[in-house]
Amino acid sequence: MSEEKFRIESDLLGELQVPAEAYYGVQTQRALNNYKISNTRMCDYPEYVIAMACIKLAAAQTNKELGAMDPKIADAIVEACREIIDGKWHENFPIDMIQGGAGTSVNMNVNEVIANRALEIMGHEKGEYQYCSPNDHVNCGQSTNDAYPTSIRLALIRMNIHLVGALTGLISAFRYKAE
């Protein structure tokens, strides 16, 4: 049996072990430890994960255009976001969807995954946040109070596309059956 390896990350509350292979970081690990409310995880809603990545991608592109972010960092963030939009790394979004913090844990989970993937893209190790910070870079110019509700709206729009497709099929089946 192999032993799980960890990296040490820290925040204002101190140090904490995070699984070495995880793309999330200390804030997500704290939320996992403290907000075990339901068995419904963010990764159970891929459209929501994609919506959050879309918002972070748009922010990185905008911050790059405005000169508010180093282009190399912005490009790595954009690439990480595109990978998430393409369906990669979704297992790294284990936050309970019925969690405390008014969306802060969800937002930080996304920021950490994107930052750690961007770090790898730039040739750094996970957790080397001096090169790409979840707060200072991925979350640059954003507020959880904007990103969280906007991502919910975008996810619902994306999910409605699937609903419309299913309802269209149902309508066709009923018409066929009526004939």
Protein backbone atom coordinates (compact mmCIF):
# COMPACT_ATOMS: atom_id res chain seq x y z
CA MET A 1 0.00 0.00 0.00
CA SER A 2 1.49 3.32 -1.03
CA GLU A 3 1.60 6.20 1.38
CA GLU A 4 -0.07 9.44 0.28
CA LYS A 5 2.38 12.31 -0.13
CA PHE A 6 1.66 15.87 0.91
CA ARG A 7 2.97 19.36 0.36
CA ILE A 8 2.79 22.00 3.08
CA GLU A 9 0.93 25.20 2.28
CA SER A 10 0.10 28.08 4.57
CA ASP A 11 -2.37 30.91 4.90
CA LEU A 12 -3.22 33.38 7.66
CA LEU A 13 -4.36 30.51 9.89
CA GLY A 14 -1.08 28.61 9.57
CA GLU A 15 0.30 25.58 7.79
CA LEU A 16 -1.71 22.64 6.50
CA GLN A 17 -0.98 19.48 4.56
CA VAL A 18 -2.42 19.32 1.05
CA PRO A 19 -2.21 16.14 -1.07
CA ALA A 20 0.89 16.56 -3.25
CA GLU A 21 -0.93 15.65 -6.48
CA ALA A 22 -3.92 17.93 -5.83
CA TYR A 23 -4.25 21.11 -7.86
CA TYR A 24 -6.22 22.74 -5.06
CA GLY A 25 -4.47 24.35 -2.13
CA VAL A 26 -4.69 25.28 1.54
CA GLN A 27 -7.98 27.22 1.36
CA THR A 28 -9.72 24.30 -0.32
CA GLN A 29 -8.21 21.85 2.16
CA ARG A 30 -9.52 23.98 5.06
CA ALA A 31 -12.98 24.01 3.50
CA LEU A 32 -12.85 20.23 3.06
CA ASN A 33 -11.89 19.85 6.70
CA ASN A 34 -14.50 22.28 8.03
CA TYR A 35 -17.54 22.25 5.73
CA LYS A 36 -18.71 18.64 5.49
CA ILE A 37 -22.36 19.51 5.03
CA SER A 38 -23.62 17.37 2.15
CA ASN A 39 -22.29 14.83 -0.30
CA THR A 40 -22.76 17.22 -3.22
CA ARG A 41 -19.44 18.40 -4.57
CA MET A 42 -18.66 21.12 -7.09
CA CYS A 43 -17.16 18.50 -9.44
CA ASP A 44 -20.60 16.86 -9.57
CA TYR A 45 -21.67 19.89 -11.64
CA PRO A 46 -19.27 20.11 -14.59
CA GLU A 47 -21.21 22.99 -16.14
CA TYR A 48 -20.63 24.99 -12.97
CA VAL A 49 -16.90 24.21 -12.96
CA ILE A 50 -16.74 25.26 -16.62
CA ALA A 51 -18.67 28.47 -15.87
CA MET A 52 -16.20 29.43 -13.14
CA ALA A 53 -13.29 28.75 -15.49
CA CYS A 54 -14.93 30.93 -18.17
CA ILE A 55 -15.15 33.83 -15.72
CA LYS A 56 -11.52 33.43 -14.61
CA LEU A 57 -10.40 33.20 -18.25
CA ALA A 58 -12.21 36.43 -19.14
CA ALA A 59 -10.70 38.19 -16.12
CA ALA A 60 -7.17 37.06 -17.03
CA GLN A 61 -7.57 38.22 -20.63
CA THR A 62 -8.96 41.56 -19.48
CA ASN A 63 -6.21 42.06 -16.89
CA LYS A 64 -3.61 41.29 -19.56
CA GLU A 65 -5.17 43.80 -22.01
CA LEU A 66 -5.30 46.46 -19.28
CA GLY A 67 -1.67 45.86 -18.34
CA ALA A 68 -2.71 44.83 -14.83
CA MET A 69 -1.00 41.44 -15.14
CA ASP A 70 2.24 40.09 -16.57
CA PRO A 71 1.33 38.59 -19.98
CA LYS A 72 3.23 35.37 -19.23
CA ILE A 73 1.16 34.79 -16.09
CA ALA A 74 -2.09 35.79 -17.80
CA ASP A 75 -1.39 33.42 -20.71
CA ALA A 76 -0.71 30.53 -18.31
CA ILE A 77 -3.95 31.28 -16.43
CA VAL A 78 -5.86 31.37 -19.74
CA GLU A 79 -4.35 28.03 -20.78
CA ALA A 80 -5.25 26.47 -17.41
CA CYS A 81 -8.81 27.79 -17.73
CA ARG A 82 -9.13 26.38 -21.24
CA GLU A 83 -8.03 22.96 -19.97
CA ILE A 84 -10.75 23.09 -17.29
CA ILE A 85 -13.32 24.20 -19.88
CA ASP A 86 -12.23 21.20 -21.99
CA GLY A 87 -13.04 18.90 -19.05
CA LYS A 88 -9.63 18.43 -17.42
CA TRP A 89 -8.90 18.63 -13.70
CA HIS A 90 -12.57 18.54 -12.63
CA GLU A 91 -11.81 16.03 -9.87
CA ASN A 92 -9.87 18.84 -8.17
CA PHE A 93 -13.12 20.65 -7.31
CA PRO A 94 -14.24 18.69 -4.23
CA ILE A 95 -15.78 21.63 -2.35
CA ASP A 96 -19.19 20.93 -0.86
CA MET A 97 -21.74 22.94 -2.83
CA ILE A 98 -23.74 23.52 0.36
CA GLN A 99 -20.83 25.13 2.19
CA GLY A 100 -20.39 28.16 4.34
CA GLY A 101 -18.60 31.33 3.40
CA ALA A 102 -21.03 32.73 0.81
CA GLY A 103 -19.07 31.19 -2.05
CA THR A 104 -15.59 32.06 -0.81
CA SER A 105 -14.50 28.41 -0.59
CA VAL A 106 -15.81 27.71 -4.10
CA ASN A 107 -14.05 30.78 -5.51
CA MET A 108 -10.78 29.92 -3.76
CA ASN A 109 -10.97 26.29 -4.91
CA VAL A 110 -11.16 27.53 -8.50
CA ASN A 111 -8.41 30.12 -7.96
CA GLU A 112 -6.08 27.51 -6.45
CA VAL A 113 -6.61 24.89 -9.16
CA ILE A 114 -6.04 27.46 -11.90
CA ALA A 115 -2.97 28.92 -10.14
CA ASN A 116 -1.36 25.53 -9.56
CA ARG A 117 -1.98 24.41 -13.13
CA ALA A 118 -0.68 27.76 -14.42
CA LEU A 119 2.43 27.27 -12.28
CA GLU A 120 3.07 23.93 -13.96
CA ILE A 121 2.51 25.47 -17.39
CA MET A 122 5.18 28.08 -16.53
CA GLY A 123 7.59 25.38 -15.31
CA HIS A 124 7.08 25.78 -11.55
CA GLU A 125 5.89 23.46 -8.80
CA LYS A 126 2.43 23.47 -7.28
CA GLY A 127 2.33 25.83 -4.33
CA GLU A 128 5.06 28.19 -5.61
CA TYR A 129 2.57 31.04 -5.41
CA GLN A 130 5.21 33.77 -5.65
CA TYR A 131 5.09 33.09 -9.43
CA CYS A 132 1.29 32.84 -9.80
CA SER A 133 -0.91 33.52 -6.80
CA PRO A 134 -4.51 32.31 -6.44
CA ASN A 135 -5.38 35.68 -4.87
CA ASP A 136 -3.13 38.22 -6.56
CA HIS A 137 -3.19 36.79 -10.08
CA VAL A 138 -6.08 34.40 -10.72
CA ASN A 139 -8.50 36.49 -8.63
CA CYS A 140 -7.04 39.84 -9.78
CA GLY A 141 -9.70 42.54 -9.96
CA GLN A 142 -12.47 40.17 -8.91
CA SER A 143 -14.74 39.66 -5.95
CA THR A 144 -16.35 36.43 -4.84
CA ASN A 145 -19.55 38.49 -4.64
CA ASP A 146 -19.32 38.94 -8.42
CA ALA A 147 -17.68 35.70 -9.61
CA TYR A 148 -19.90 33.34 -7.61
CA PRO A 149 -23.36 34.58 -8.68
CA THR A 150 -22.20 35.25 -12.25
CA SER A 151 -20.91 31.68 -12.54
CA ILE A 152 -24.21 30.31 -11.23
CA ARG A 153 -26.08 32.28 -13.91
CA LEU A 154 -23.69 31.14 -16.64
CA ALA A 155 -23.93 27.51 -15.49
CA LEU A 156 -27.74 27.68 -15.57
CA ILE A 157 -27.64 29.08 -19.10
CA ARG A 158 -25.28 26.31 -20.17
CA MET A 159 -27.45 23.69 -18.46
CA ASN A 160 -30.60 25.09 -20.12
CA ILE A 161 -29.07 24.34 -23.52
CA HIS A 162 -29.07 20.65 -22.53
CA LEU A 163 -32.61 20.95 -21.15
CA VAL A 164 -33.90 22.52 -24.38
CA GLY A 165 -32.31 19.68 -26.35
CA ALA A 166 -33.93 17.06 -24.13
CA LEU A 167 -37.33 18.78 -24.28
CA THR A 168 -37.10 19.06 -28.06
CA GLY A 169 -36.49 15.32 -28.23
CA LEU A 170 -39.42 14.66 -25.91
CA ILE A 171 -41.71 16.85 -28.02
CA SER A 172 -40.64 14.94 -31.15
CA ALA A 173 -41.29 11.61 -29.44
CA PHE A 174 -44.77 12.74 -28.36
CA ARG A 175 -45.56 13.96 -31.88
CA TYR A 176 -44.39 10.65 -33.34
CA LYS A 177 -46.47 8.72 -30.81
CA ALA A 178 -49.52 10.92 -31.56
CA GLU A 179 -49.24 10.12 -35.27
